[in-house]
Amino acid sequence: MVGLITWALGALGRKVVLFGTLALSGLLALGLVWRSGRVTGRRECVAMQSTARIRTLKTSMEIRHELAQTPASDQRHRLERWMWD
């Protein structure tokens, strides 16, 4: 089998084999760079989503804390004003 491959490549000529190998290597390199970029992009997207989720949770916690500290009469007043807006 190896002899058949050697014979087929030898019949093509050295320059054709060389350029074919270079082209294949270039395509392989581009594929690896593309895949690496996708993986990095996904990691950045997950990090941004986690940051946004943490920011949302902190804001929610601050609002709940502020609401717990506000007197009931002021809460009703704010709710009525919010409902009219």
Protein backbone atom coordinates (compact mmCIF):
# COMPACT_ATOMS: atom_id res chain seq x y z
CA MET A 1 0.00 0.00 0.00
CA VAL A 2 2.79 2.41 0.90
CA GLY A 3 4.52 1.49 -2.34
CA LEU A 4 1.38 2.38 -4.29
CA ILE A 5 1.14 5.79 -2.61
CA THR A 6 4.83 6.44 -3.20
CA TRP A 7 4.49 5.45 -6.86
CA ALA A 8 1.38 7.67 -7.34
CA LEU A 9 3.01 10.69 -5.73
CA GLY A 10 6.27 10.07 -7.58
CA ALA A 11 4.43 10.04 -10.88
CA LEU A 12 2.85 13.42 -10.20
CA GLY A 13 6.11 15.22 -9.86
CA ARG A 14 7.94 16.78 -6.99
CA LYS A 15 6.61 20.32 -7.49
CA VAL A 16 2.98 19.22 -7.57
CA VAL A 17 3.44 17.20 -4.39
CA LEU A 18 5.26 20.09 -2.72
CA PHE A 19 2.55 22.63 -3.62
CA GLY A 20 -0.19 20.21 -2.66
CA THR A 21 1.41 19.64 0.71
CA LEU A 22 1.82 23.39 1.26
CA ALA A 23 -1.81 24.02 0.32
CA LEU A 24 -3.02 21.27 2.64
CA SER A 25 -0.87 22.63 5.47
CA GLY A 26 -2.25 26.13 4.89
CA LEU A 27 -5.84 24.90 4.96
CA LEU A 28 -5.15 22.95 8.13
CA ALA A 29 -3.62 26.04 9.78
CA LEU A 30 -6.61 28.20 8.80
CA GLY A 31 -8.98 25.58 10.16
CA LEU A 32 -7.16 25.44 13.48
CA VAL A 33 -7.10 29.23 13.81
CA TRP A 34 -10.82 29.42 12.97
CA ARG A 35 -11.65 26.74 15.56
CA SER A 36 -9.52 28.44 18.20
CA GLY A 37 -11.28 31.74 17.54
CA ARG A 38 -14.67 30.12 17.97
CA VAL A 39 -13.67 28.56 21.28
CA THR A 40 -12.30 31.88 22.54
CA GLY A 41 -15.45 33.70 21.41
CA ARG A 42 -17.67 31.25 23.24
CA ARG A 43 -15.63 31.66 26.42
CA GLU A 44 -15.90 35.45 26.21
CA CYS A 45 -19.65 35.20 25.62
CA VAL A 46 -20.12 33.00 28.67
CA ALA A 47 -18.03 35.41 30.76
CA MET A 48 -20.11 38.39 29.61
CA GLN A 49 -23.34 36.53 30.39
CA SER A 50 -22.08 35.64 33.87
CA THR A 51 -21.11 39.26 34.52
CA ALA A 52 -24.54 40.47 33.40
CA ARG A 53 -26.26 37.87 35.57
CA ILE A 54 -24.23 38.92 38.62
CA ARG A 55 -24.97 42.60 37.96
CA THR A 56 -28.70 41.82 37.68
CA LEU A 57 -28.70 39.83 40.91
CA LYS A 58 -26.88 42.62 42.77
CA THR A 59 -29.36 45.21 41.48
CA SER A 60 -32.27 43.00 42.51
CA MET A 61 -30.79 42.50 45.96
CA GLU A 62 -30.28 46.26 46.39
CA ILE A 63 -33.88 46.98 45.35
CA ARG A 64 -35.24 44.34 47.74
CA HIS A 65 -33.13 45.73 50.56
CA GLU A 66 -34.28 49.29 49.82
CA LEU A 67 -37.89 48.11 49.66
CA ALA A 68 -37.57 46.33 52.99
CA GLN A 69 -36.23 49.54 54.60
CA THR A 70 -39.03 51.75 53.19
CA PRO A 71 -42.13 52.34 55.35
CA ALA A 72 -45.40 50.79 54.14
CA SER A 73 -47.09 54.17 53.55
CA ASP A 74 -44.22 55.30 51.32
CA GLN A 75 -44.37 51.99 49.45
CA ARG A 76 -48.07 52.50 48.71
CA HIS A 77 -47.40 56.07 47.54
CA ARG A 78 -44.60 54.92 45.21
CA LEU A 79 -46.72 52.06 43.89
CA GLU A 80 -49.63 54.39 43.12
CA ARG A 81 -47.30 56.84 41.39
CA TRP A 82 -45.69 54.00 39.41
CA MET A 83 -49.10 52.64 38.35
CA TRP A 84 -50.13 56.07 37.01
CA ASP A 85 -46.92 56.49 34.98
